[in-house]
Amino acid sequence: MAATNEFLTRIPRGSGGARRWPLELKARVVAETLIEGATVNAVAKRYELIPSTVSDWRRMARKGKLVLPNLDGMDFVPVQIEEPKPPMPVPTPTINLGTLDVIKGDVTVRLDAGTPPERIAQIAFAL
């Protein structure tokens, strides 16, 4: 990082203190973002820039206002878009249809779902 900081001290500054980047250096920064594995954020951080500035420079390059240098090892590859994967099914809560709970206060009586209604009424009355 020390080499980058030393490099940055040689960039001329305007009256407001902002750096005035020569077109050649802007092009070099943009070209670095096109190397495989590089990101705009990482390159911007290396040059102490905000990512939107680098994105603006990339836009200038796309419009032909910035000529990029030829960097060795820089290749363009076709983009392949994958089909979206179907959403994962939302698990539904399991409902146990085999039992019936009769609850009063802190007392719970668990009955078989086949318990006759008369018996359920007797138990509920007894609670």
N, C-alpha and C. Protein backbone atom coordinates (compact mmCIF):
# COMPACT_ATOMS: atom_id res chain seq x y z
N MET A 1 0.83 -1.20 0.00
CA MET A 1 0.00 0.00 0.00
C MET A 1 0.87 1.25 0.00
N ALA A 2 2.09 1.16 0.52
CA ALA A 2 2.97 2.32 0.56
C ALA A 2 3.29 2.80 -0.84
N ALA A 3 3.49 1.87 -1.78
CA ALA A 3 3.79 2.26 -3.16
C ALA A 3 2.61 3.01 -3.77
N THR A 4 1.39 2.56 -3.47
CA THR A 4 0.20 3.24 -4.00
C THR A 4 0.09 4.63 -3.41
N ASN A 5 0.32 4.77 -2.10
CA ASN A 5 0.24 6.07 -1.45
C ASN A 5 1.28 7.03 -2.03
N GLU A 6 2.49 6.54 -2.28
CA GLU A 6 3.54 7.37 -2.88
C GLU A 6 3.11 7.82 -4.27
N PHE A 7 2.50 6.92 -5.02
CA PHE A 7 2.00 7.23 -6.35
C PHE A 7 0.93 8.32 -6.27
N LEU A 8 0.04 8.22 -5.28
CA LEU A 8 -1.06 9.17 -5.16
C LEU A 8 -0.58 10.57 -4.80
N THR A 9 0.55 10.69 -4.11
CA THR A 9 1.04 12.02 -3.74
C THR A 9 1.49 12.80 -4.96
N ARG A 10 1.78 12.12 -6.06
CA ARG A 10 2.22 12.80 -7.27
C ARG A 10 1.07 13.26 -8.16
N ILE A 11 -0.17 12.93 -7.79
CA ILE A 11 -1.34 13.36 -8.57
C ILE A 11 -1.59 14.83 -8.24
N PRO A 12 -1.66 15.70 -9.25
CA PRO A 12 -1.87 17.13 -8.98
C PRO A 12 -3.24 17.37 -8.35
N ARG A 13 -3.30 18.36 -7.51
CA ARG A 13 -4.55 18.71 -6.83
C ARG A 13 -5.04 20.07 -7.31
N GLY A 14 -6.35 20.22 -7.37
CA GLY A 14 -6.96 21.48 -7.76
C GLY A 14 -6.99 22.44 -6.59
N SER A 15 -7.58 23.61 -6.79
CA SER A 15 -7.61 24.63 -5.73
C SER A 15 -8.44 24.18 -4.54
N GLY A 16 -9.43 23.31 -4.76
CA GLY A 16 -10.25 22.80 -3.66
C GLY A 16 -9.63 21.60 -2.96
N GLY A 17 -8.48 21.17 -3.40
CA GLY A 17 -7.81 20.03 -2.78
C GLY A 17 -8.11 18.70 -3.44
N ALA A 18 -9.05 18.71 -4.40
CA ALA A 18 -9.39 17.45 -5.08
C ALA A 18 -8.29 17.12 -6.09
N ARG A 19 -8.04 15.82 -6.24
CA ARG A 19 -7.03 15.39 -7.21
C ARG A 19 -7.55 15.57 -8.62
N ARG A 20 -6.66 15.97 -9.52
CA ARG A 20 -6.99 16.08 -10.94
C ARG A 20 -6.30 14.92 -11.65
N TRP A 21 -7.09 13.92 -11.98
CA TRP A 21 -6.54 12.71 -12.57
C TRP A 21 -6.35 12.89 -14.07
N PRO A 22 -5.13 12.69 -14.58
CA PRO A 22 -4.93 12.72 -16.04
C PRO A 22 -5.69 11.57 -16.68
N LEU A 23 -6.09 11.78 -17.94
CA LEU A 23 -6.87 10.76 -18.64
C LEU A 23 -6.16 9.41 -18.69
N GLU A 24 -4.82 9.42 -18.83
CA GLU A 24 -4.08 8.16 -18.89
C GLU A 24 -4.22 7.37 -17.60
N LEU A 25 -4.21 8.08 -16.47
CA LEU A 25 -4.35 7.39 -15.18
C LEU A 25 -5.78 6.90 -14.97
N LYS A 26 -6.75 7.68 -15.40
CA LYS A 26 -8.14 7.24 -15.31
C LYS A 26 -8.31 5.95 -16.11
N ALA A 27 -7.72 5.94 -17.31
CA ALA A 27 -7.83 4.76 -18.18
C ALA A 27 -7.16 3.56 -17.52
N ARG A 28 -6.03 3.77 -16.88
CA ARG A 28 -5.33 2.67 -16.20
C ARG A 28 -6.18 2.09 -15.07
N VAL A 29 -6.81 2.97 -14.29
CA VAL A 29 -7.66 2.52 -13.18
C VAL A 29 -8.84 1.71 -13.73
N VAL A 30 -9.47 2.22 -14.78
CA VAL A 30 -10.62 1.51 -15.38
C VAL A 30 -10.17 0.16 -15.92
N ALA A 31 -9.02 0.13 -16.59
CA ALA A 31 -8.52 -1.13 -17.15
C ALA A 31 -8.28 -2.15 -16.04
N GLU A 32 -7.83 -1.70 -14.89
CA GLU A 32 -7.61 -2.65 -13.78
C GLU A 32 -8.90 -3.27 -13.31
N THR A 33 -10.02 -2.56 -13.45
CA THR A 33 -11.30 -3.15 -13.02
C THR A 33 -11.76 -4.25 -13.96
N LEU A 34 -11.18 -4.31 -15.16
CA LEU A 34 -11.59 -5.30 -16.15
C LEU A 34 -10.79 -6.59 -16.09
N ILE A 35 -9.77 -6.63 -15.24
CA ILE A 35 -8.97 -7.84 -15.09
C ILE A 35 -9.78 -8.86 -14.30
N GLU A 36 -9.68 -10.11 -14.70
CA GLU A 36 -10.45 -11.17 -14.06
C GLU A 36 -10.21 -11.19 -12.55
N GLY A 37 -11.28 -11.21 -11.79
CA GLY A 37 -11.20 -11.27 -10.34
C GLY A 37 -11.18 -9.90 -9.67
N ALA A 38 -10.96 -8.83 -10.43
CA ALA A 38 -10.94 -7.48 -9.86
C ALA A 38 -12.36 -6.96 -9.69
N THR A 39 -12.54 -6.11 -8.69
CA THR A 39 -13.84 -5.46 -8.50
C THR A 39 -13.64 -3.96 -8.47
N VAL A 40 -14.68 -3.23 -8.81
CA VAL A 40 -14.62 -1.78 -8.78
C VAL A 40 -14.29 -1.30 -7.37
N ASN A 41 -14.91 -1.91 -6.37
CA ASN A 41 -14.66 -1.49 -4.98
C ASN A 41 -13.21 -1.68 -4.59
N ALA A 42 -12.63 -2.82 -4.94
CA ALA A 42 -11.24 -3.09 -4.56
C ALA A 42 -10.28 -2.14 -5.26
N VAL A 43 -10.49 -1.89 -6.55
CA VAL A 43 -9.61 -0.98 -7.28
C VAL A 43 -9.77 0.44 -6.75
N ALA A 44 -11.00 0.87 -6.48
CA ALA A 44 -11.24 2.21 -5.94
C ALA A 44 -10.54 2.37 -4.60
N LYS A 45 -10.62 1.37 -3.76
CA LYS A 45 -9.98 1.44 -2.44
C LYS A 45 -8.46 1.55 -2.59
N ARG A 46 -7.88 0.82 -3.54
CA ARG A 46 -6.44 0.84 -3.75
C ARG A 46 -5.97 2.25 -4.13
N TYR A 47 -6.78 2.98 -4.88
CA TYR A 47 -6.41 4.33 -5.31
C TYR A 47 -7.04 5.43 -4.44
N GLU A 48 -7.63 5.02 -3.32
CA GLU A 48 -8.28 5.95 -2.38
C GLU A 48 -9.34 6.79 -3.08
N LEU A 49 -10.16 6.11 -3.86
CA LEU A 49 -11.28 6.73 -4.56
C LEU A 49 -12.58 6.15 -4.04
N ILE A 50 -13.67 6.86 -4.30
CA ILE A 50 -14.97 6.26 -4.00
C ILE A 50 -15.39 5.45 -5.23
N PRO A 51 -16.04 4.32 -5.03
CA PRO A 51 -16.39 3.44 -6.16
C PRO A 51 -17.19 4.13 -7.25
N SER A 52 -18.04 5.09 -6.89
CA SER A 52 -18.86 5.74 -7.92
C SER A 52 -17.99 6.54 -8.90
N THR A 53 -16.84 7.05 -8.43
CA THR A 53 -15.93 7.77 -9.33
C THR A 53 -15.37 6.81 -10.38
N VAL A 54 -14.96 5.64 -9.93
CA VAL A 54 -14.44 4.64 -10.87
C VAL A 54 -15.54 4.20 -11.83
N SER A 55 -16.75 4.06 -11.32
CA SER A 55 -17.88 3.69 -12.20
C SER A 55 -18.14 4.78 -13.23
N ASP A 56 -18.00 6.05 -12.84
CA ASP A 56 -18.15 7.15 -13.80
C ASP A 56 -17.09 7.05 -14.89
N TRP A 57 -15.87 6.75 -14.51
CA TRP A 57 -14.78 6.61 -15.48
C TRP A 57 -15.04 5.43 -16.42
N ARG A 58 -15.60 4.35 -15.88
CA ARG A 58 -15.94 3.19 -16.72
C ARG A 58 -17.00 3.60 -17.75
N ARG A 59 -17.95 4.41 -17.31
CA ARG A 59 -18.99 4.89 -18.23
C ARG A 59 -18.37 5.74 -19.33
N MET A 60 -17.40 6.58 -18.96
CA MET A 60 -16.69 7.39 -19.97
C MET A 60 -16.00 6.48 -20.99
N ALA A 61 -15.41 5.39 -20.52
CA ALA A 61 -14.71 4.47 -21.42
C ALA A 61 -15.71 3.80 -22.37
N ARG A 62 -16.88 3.43 -21.87
CA ARG A 62 -17.89 2.81 -22.73
C ARG A 62 -18.37 3.77 -23.82
N LYS A 63 -18.40 5.06 -23.50
CA LYS A 63 -18.84 6.06 -24.47
C LYS A 63 -17.72 6.48 -25.41
N GLY A 64 -16.51 5.94 -25.19
CA GLY A 64 -15.40 6.27 -26.07
C GLY A 64 -14.65 7.53 -25.68
N LYS A 65 -14.94 8.09 -24.51
CA LYS A 65 -14.28 9.31 -24.07
C LYS A 65 -12.98 9.02 -23.32
N LEU A 66 -12.69 7.75 -23.12
CA LEU A 66 -11.50 7.33 -22.40
C LEU A 66 -10.94 6.10 -23.11
N VAL A 67 -9.71 6.19 -23.58
CA VAL A 67 -9.09 5.08 -24.31
C VAL A 67 -8.30 4.24 -23.31
N LEU A 68 -8.64 2.96 -23.24
CA LEU A 68 -8.01 2.08 -22.26
C LEU A 68 -6.71 1.50 -22.80
N PRO A 69 -5.73 1.33 -21.91
CA PRO A 69 -4.48 0.70 -22.33
C PRO A 69 -4.68 -0.79 -22.50
N ASN A 70 -3.79 -1.44 -23.23
CA ASN A 70 -3.85 -2.88 -23.41
C ASN A 70 -3.11 -3.54 -22.25
N LEU A 71 -3.83 -4.18 -21.38
CA LEU A 71 -3.21 -4.87 -20.25
C LEU A 71 -3.03 -6.34 -20.60
N ASP A 72 -1.84 -6.87 -20.39
CA ASP A 72 -1.59 -8.29 -20.65
C ASP A 72 -2.46 -9.13 -19.72
N GLY A 73 -3.02 -10.18 -20.26
CA GLY A 73 -3.81 -11.11 -19.45
C GLY A 73 -5.26 -10.69 -19.32
N MET A 74 -5.63 -9.57 -19.93
CA MET A 74 -7.02 -9.13 -19.81
C MET A 74 -7.81 -9.75 -20.95
N ASP A 75 -8.77 -10.57 -20.61
CA ASP A 75 -9.61 -11.23 -21.59
C ASP A 75 -11.07 -10.95 -21.27
N PHE A 76 -11.87 -10.94 -22.30
CA PHE A 76 -13.31 -10.81 -22.11
C PHE A 76 -13.93 -12.16 -22.37
N VAL A 77 -14.88 -12.51 -21.57
CA VAL A 77 -15.55 -13.80 -21.73
C VAL A 77 -17.04 -13.55 -21.91
N PRO A 78 -17.71 -14.43 -22.64
CA PRO A 78 -19.16 -14.24 -22.80
C PRO A 78 -19.87 -14.47 -21.47
N VAL A 79 -20.94 -13.75 -21.30
CA VAL A 79 -21.74 -13.87 -20.08
C VAL A 79 -22.74 -15.00 -20.27
N GLN A 80 -22.86 -15.83 -19.28
CA GLN A 80 -23.87 -16.89 -19.30
C GLN A 80 -24.82 -16.66 -18.15
N ILE A 81 -26.09 -16.57 -18.45
CA ILE A 81 -27.10 -16.34 -17.43
C ILE A 81 -27.78 -17.66 -17.13
N GLU A 82 -27.76 -18.02 -15.87
CA GLU A 82 -28.40 -19.27 -15.45
C GLU A 82 -29.89 -19.08 -15.32
N GLU A 83 -30.61 -20.15 -15.57
CA GLU A 83 -32.05 -20.13 -15.34
C GLU A 83 -32.28 -20.00 -13.84
N PRO A 84 -33.26 -19.20 -13.44
CA PRO A 84 -33.50 -19.08 -12.01
C PRO A 84 -33.95 -20.41 -11.42
N LYS A 85 -33.46 -20.68 -10.24
CA LYS A 85 -33.83 -21.92 -9.56
C LYS A 85 -35.20 -21.73 -8.92
N PRO A 86 -36.01 -22.79 -8.93
CA PRO A 86 -37.32 -22.65 -8.30
C PRO A 86 -37.15 -22.39 -6.81
N PRO A 87 -38.05 -21.60 -6.25
CA PRO A 87 -37.91 -21.29 -4.82
C PRO A 87 -38.08 -22.56 -3.98
N MET A 88 -37.36 -22.56 -2.88
CA MET A 88 -37.46 -23.70 -1.96
C MET A 88 -38.86 -23.71 -1.35
N PRO A 89 -39.47 -24.88 -1.25
CA PRO A 89 -40.81 -24.92 -0.64
C PRO A 89 -40.73 -24.55 0.84
N VAL A 90 -41.72 -23.80 1.25
CA VAL A 90 -41.79 -23.39 2.65
C VAL A 90 -42.35 -24.57 3.44
N PRO A 91 -41.62 -25.00 4.46
CA PRO A 91 -42.12 -26.14 5.23
C PRO A 91 -43.41 -25.76 5.96
N THR A 92 -44.39 -26.62 5.83
CA THR A 92 -45.66 -26.38 6.51
C THR A 92 -45.62 -27.07 7.87
N PRO A 93 -46.20 -26.44 8.85
CA PRO A 93 -46.20 -27.07 10.17
C PRO A 93 -46.97 -28.39 10.12
N THR A 94 -46.43 -29.36 10.80
CA THR A 94 -47.10 -30.65 10.82
C THR A 94 -48.25 -30.61 11.81
N ILE A 95 -49.37 -31.08 11.36
CA ILE A 95 -50.56 -31.14 12.21
C ILE A 95 -50.82 -32.60 12.51
N ASN A 96 -50.80 -32.90 13.77
CA ASN A 96 -51.04 -34.27 14.17
C ASN A 96 -52.54 -34.47 14.27
N LEU A 97 -53.08 -35.20 13.31
CA LEU A 97 -54.53 -35.46 13.31
C LEU A 97 -54.89 -36.67 14.15
N GLY A 98 -53.89 -37.26 14.81
CA GLY A 98 -54.14 -38.47 15.58
C GLY A 98 -54.50 -38.20 17.02
N THR A 99 -54.37 -36.94 17.49
CA THR A 99 -54.67 -36.66 18.89
C THR A 99 -55.51 -35.40 19.03
N LEU A 100 -56.10 -35.28 20.20
CA LEU A 100 -56.91 -34.12 20.54
C LEU A 100 -56.50 -33.71 21.94
N ASP A 101 -56.17 -32.42 22.13
CA ASP A 101 -55.77 -31.92 23.45
C ASP A 101 -56.92 -31.14 24.06
N VAL A 102 -57.25 -31.48 25.29
CA VAL A 102 -58.23 -30.72 26.07
C VAL A 102 -57.41 -30.03 27.15
N ILE A 103 -57.44 -28.68 27.13
CA ILE A 103 -56.57 -27.90 28.02
C ILE A 103 -57.43 -27.01 28.90
N LYS A 104 -57.12 -27.03 30.22
CA LYS A 104 -57.75 -26.10 31.15
C LYS A 104 -56.67 -25.70 32.15
N GLY A 105 -56.29 -24.41 32.11
CA GLY A 105 -55.22 -23.94 32.98
C GLY A 105 -53.91 -24.62 32.62
N ASP A 106 -53.29 -25.22 33.64
CA ASP A 106 -52.02 -25.91 33.38
C ASP A 106 -52.21 -27.41 33.22
N VAL A 107 -53.46 -27.87 33.06
CA VAL A 107 -53.75 -29.28 32.89
C VAL A 107 -54.06 -29.54 31.41
N THR A 108 -53.37 -30.52 30.83
CA THR A 108 -53.60 -30.92 29.45
C THR A 108 -53.95 -32.41 29.43
N VAL A 109 -55.07 -32.74 28.79
CA VAL A 109 -55.46 -34.14 28.61
C VAL A 109 -55.40 -34.42 27.11
N ARG A 110 -54.52 -35.34 26.74
CA ARG A 110 -54.36 -35.69 25.33
C ARG A 110 -55.17 -36.94 25.05
N LEU A 111 -56.08 -36.83 24.08
CA LEU A 111 -56.97 -37.93 23.74
C LEU A 111 -56.73 -38.36 22.30
N ASP A 112 -57.06 -39.59 22.02
CA ASP A 112 -57.01 -40.10 20.66
C ASP A 112 -58.10 -39.39 19.85
N ALA A 113 -57.81 -39.11 18.59
CA ALA A 113 -58.77 -38.40 17.75
C ALA A 113 -60.06 -39.20 17.56
N GLY A 114 -60.00 -40.50 17.78
CA GLY A 114 -61.19 -41.33 17.62
C GLY A 114 -62.05 -41.39 18.88
N THR A 115 -61.70 -40.61 19.90
CA THR A 115 -62.48 -40.62 21.15
C THR A 115 -63.89 -40.09 20.86
N PRO A 116 -64.91 -40.82 21.34
CA PRO A 116 -66.29 -40.38 21.08
C PRO A 116 -66.57 -39.02 21.73
N PRO A 117 -67.39 -38.22 21.09
CA PRO A 117 -67.69 -36.88 21.61
C PRO A 117 -68.27 -36.89 23.02
N GLU A 118 -69.05 -37.93 23.37
CA GLU A 118 -69.61 -37.99 24.72
C GLU A 118 -68.51 -38.08 25.76
N ARG A 119 -67.48 -38.87 25.47
CA ARG A 119 -66.34 -39.04 26.40
C ARG A 119 -65.55 -37.74 26.53
N ILE A 120 -65.37 -37.04 25.41
CA ILE A 120 -64.65 -35.75 25.45
C ILE A 120 -65.43 -34.77 26.31
N ALA A 121 -66.77 -34.76 26.18
CA ALA A 121 -67.62 -33.87 27.00
C ALA A 121 -67.51 -34.22 28.46
N GLN A 122 -67.46 -35.48 28.80
CA GLN A 122 -67.34 -35.90 30.20
C GLN A 122 -66.00 -35.41 30.78
N ILE A 123 -64.93 -35.57 30.03
CA ILE A 123 -63.60 -35.15 30.52
C ILE A 123 -63.56 -33.65 30.67
N ALA A 124 -64.11 -32.92 29.70
CA ALA A 124 -64.11 -31.45 29.79
C ALA A 124 -64.93 -30.99 30.99
N PHE A 125 -66.05 -31.65 31.26
CA PHE A 125 -66.88 -31.31 32.41
C PHE A 125 -66.14 -31.58 33.72
N ALA A 126 -65.36 -32.65 33.75
CA ALA A 126 -64.63 -33.02 34.96
C ALA A 126 -63.49 -32.05 35.25
N LEU A 127 -62.96 -31.42 34.24
CA LEU A 127 -61.88 -30.44 34.47
C LEU A 127 -62.46 -29.19 35.02
